[in-house]
Protein backbone atom coordinates (compact mmCIF):
# COMPACT_ATOMS: atom_id res chain seq x y z
CA UNK A 1 -13.56 -7.88 11.60
CA UNK A 2 -13.57 -11.00 9.54
CA UNK A 3 -10.23 -12.80 9.48
CA UNK A 4 -9.47 -15.31 6.69
CA UNK A 5 -6.41 -17.46 5.98
CA UNK A 6 -5.08 -17.62 2.43
CA UNK A 7 -2.05 -19.25 0.83
CA UNK A 8 -0.17 -17.95 -2.24
CA UNK A 9 -2.33 -17.61 -5.35
CA UNK A 10 -5.52 -17.95 -3.28
CA UNK A 11 -8.14 -15.19 -3.48
CA UNK A 12 -10.98 -13.48 -1.56
CA UNK A 13 -14.01 -12.08 -3.55
CA UNK A 14 -15.91 -9.06 -2.12
CA UNK A 15 -19.40 -8.10 -3.54
CA UNK A 16 -18.73 -10.18 -6.73
CA UNK A 17 -16.63 -7.20 -8.15
CA UNK A 18 -13.47 -7.03 -6.00
CA UNK A 19 -10.93 -9.93 -5.97
CA UNK A 20 -7.92 -9.83 -3.61
CA UNK A 21 -5.21 -12.32 -4.30
CA UNK A 22 -2.22 -13.32 -2.26
CA UNK A 23 0.62 -12.76 -4.95
CA UNK A 24 3.63 -13.49 -2.89
CA UNK A 25 4.73 -14.16 0.71
CA UNK A 26 8.25 -13.08 1.70
CA UNK A 27 9.10 -13.47 5.41
CA UNK A 28 6.73 -11.28 7.25
CA UNK A 29 5.45 -9.37 4.15
CA UNK A 30 2.49 -10.30 2.04
CA UNK A 31 2.02 -8.84 -1.49
CA UNK A 32 -1.65 -8.56 -2.58
CA UNK A 33 -3.14 -8.17 -5.86
CA UNK A 34 -6.42 -6.31 -6.09
CA UNK A 35 -8.74 -6.44 -9.03
CA UNK A 36 -11.62 -3.86 -8.67
CA UNK A 37 -13.63 -1.43 -10.76
CA UNK A 38 -11.80 1.90 -11.50
CA UNK A 39 -14.55 3.71 -9.56
CA UNK A 40 -13.54 1.91 -6.37
CA UNK A 41 -10.86 3.93 -4.41
CA UNK A 42 -8.22 1.66 -2.92
CA UNK A 43 -5.64 3.12 -0.57
CA UNK A 44 -3.09 1.75 1.85
CA UNK A 45 -4.18 2.76 5.35
CA UNK A 46 -1.28 5.25 5.83
CA UNK A 47 -2.15 6.98 2.58
CA UNK A 48 -5.80 7.10 3.43
CA UNK A 49 -4.92 8.70 6.72
CA UNK A 50 -2.88 11.32 4.97
CA UNK A 51 -5.74 12.02 2.57
CA UNK A 52 -8.17 12.35 5.43
CA UNK A 53 -5.73 14.70 7.45
CA UNK A 54 -5.34 16.89 4.25
CA UNK A 55 -9.08 17.04 3.87
CA UNK A 56 -9.52 18.02 7.54
CA UNK A 57 -6.89 20.72 7.18
CA UNK A 58 -8.76 22.09 4.24
CA UNK A 59 -5.89 21.41 1.86
CA UNK A 60 -6.82 20.77 -1.80
CA UNK A 61 -6.57 17.26 -2.99
CA UNK A 62 -5.16 16.42 -6.35
CA UNK A 63 -7.80 16.67 -9.13
CA UNK A 64 -8.07 12.86 -9.33
CA UNK A 65 -8.39 12.51 -5.57
CA UNK A 66 -5.38 10.41 -5.32
CA UNK A 67 -1.73 10.90 -4.22
CA UNK A 68 1.48 10.13 -6.16
CA UNK A 69 3.44 7.27 -4.65
CA UNK A 70 6.09 4.65 -5.68
CA UNK A 71 4.63 1.13 -6.24
CA UNK A 72 5.99 -2.25 -7.04
CA UNK A 73 4.54 -3.90 -10.12
CA UNK A 74 5.82 -7.33 -11.00
CA UNK A 75 9.62 -7.25 -10.95
CA UNK A 76 9.89 -3.56 -11.46
CA UNK A 77 9.18 -0.40 -9.49
CA UNK A 78 7.45 2.57 -11.03
CA UNK A 79 5.96 5.88 -10.02
CA UNK A 80 2.25 5.82 -10.25
CA UNK A 81 -0.03 8.88 -10.39
CA UNK A 82 -2.44 7.20 -8.00
CA UNK A 83 -2.28 4.63 -5.16
CA UNK A 84 -4.88 2.51 -7.04
CA UNK A 85 -3.10 -0.12 -9.17
CA UNK A 86 -5.18 -2.21 -11.30
CA UNK A 87 -4.58 -4.33 -14.33
CA UNK A 88 -7.20 -4.13 -17.12
CA UNK A 89 -9.92 -6.71 -16.64
CA UNK A 90 -10.27 -9.14 -19.45
CA UNK A 91 -13.21 -8.49 -21.72
């Protein structure tokens, strides 16, 4: 495992297409912003484990392959139809 230190507003770039930015640090919690192509699935580990468990149990996954969950965005909270949250990339 590669371990890197980053401060607020600093980023990590993966394969020239994924950028992970430290958005906020509050006590022992870190908020990350992830900018990645739509075809890249991004899941929190507990959501990924749930998806894997459902697949192993033979349960049907949602048509889009993602789960519904509540996510924080900016100063608001919204229900998202997927656990992948991306802002449109500037053209």
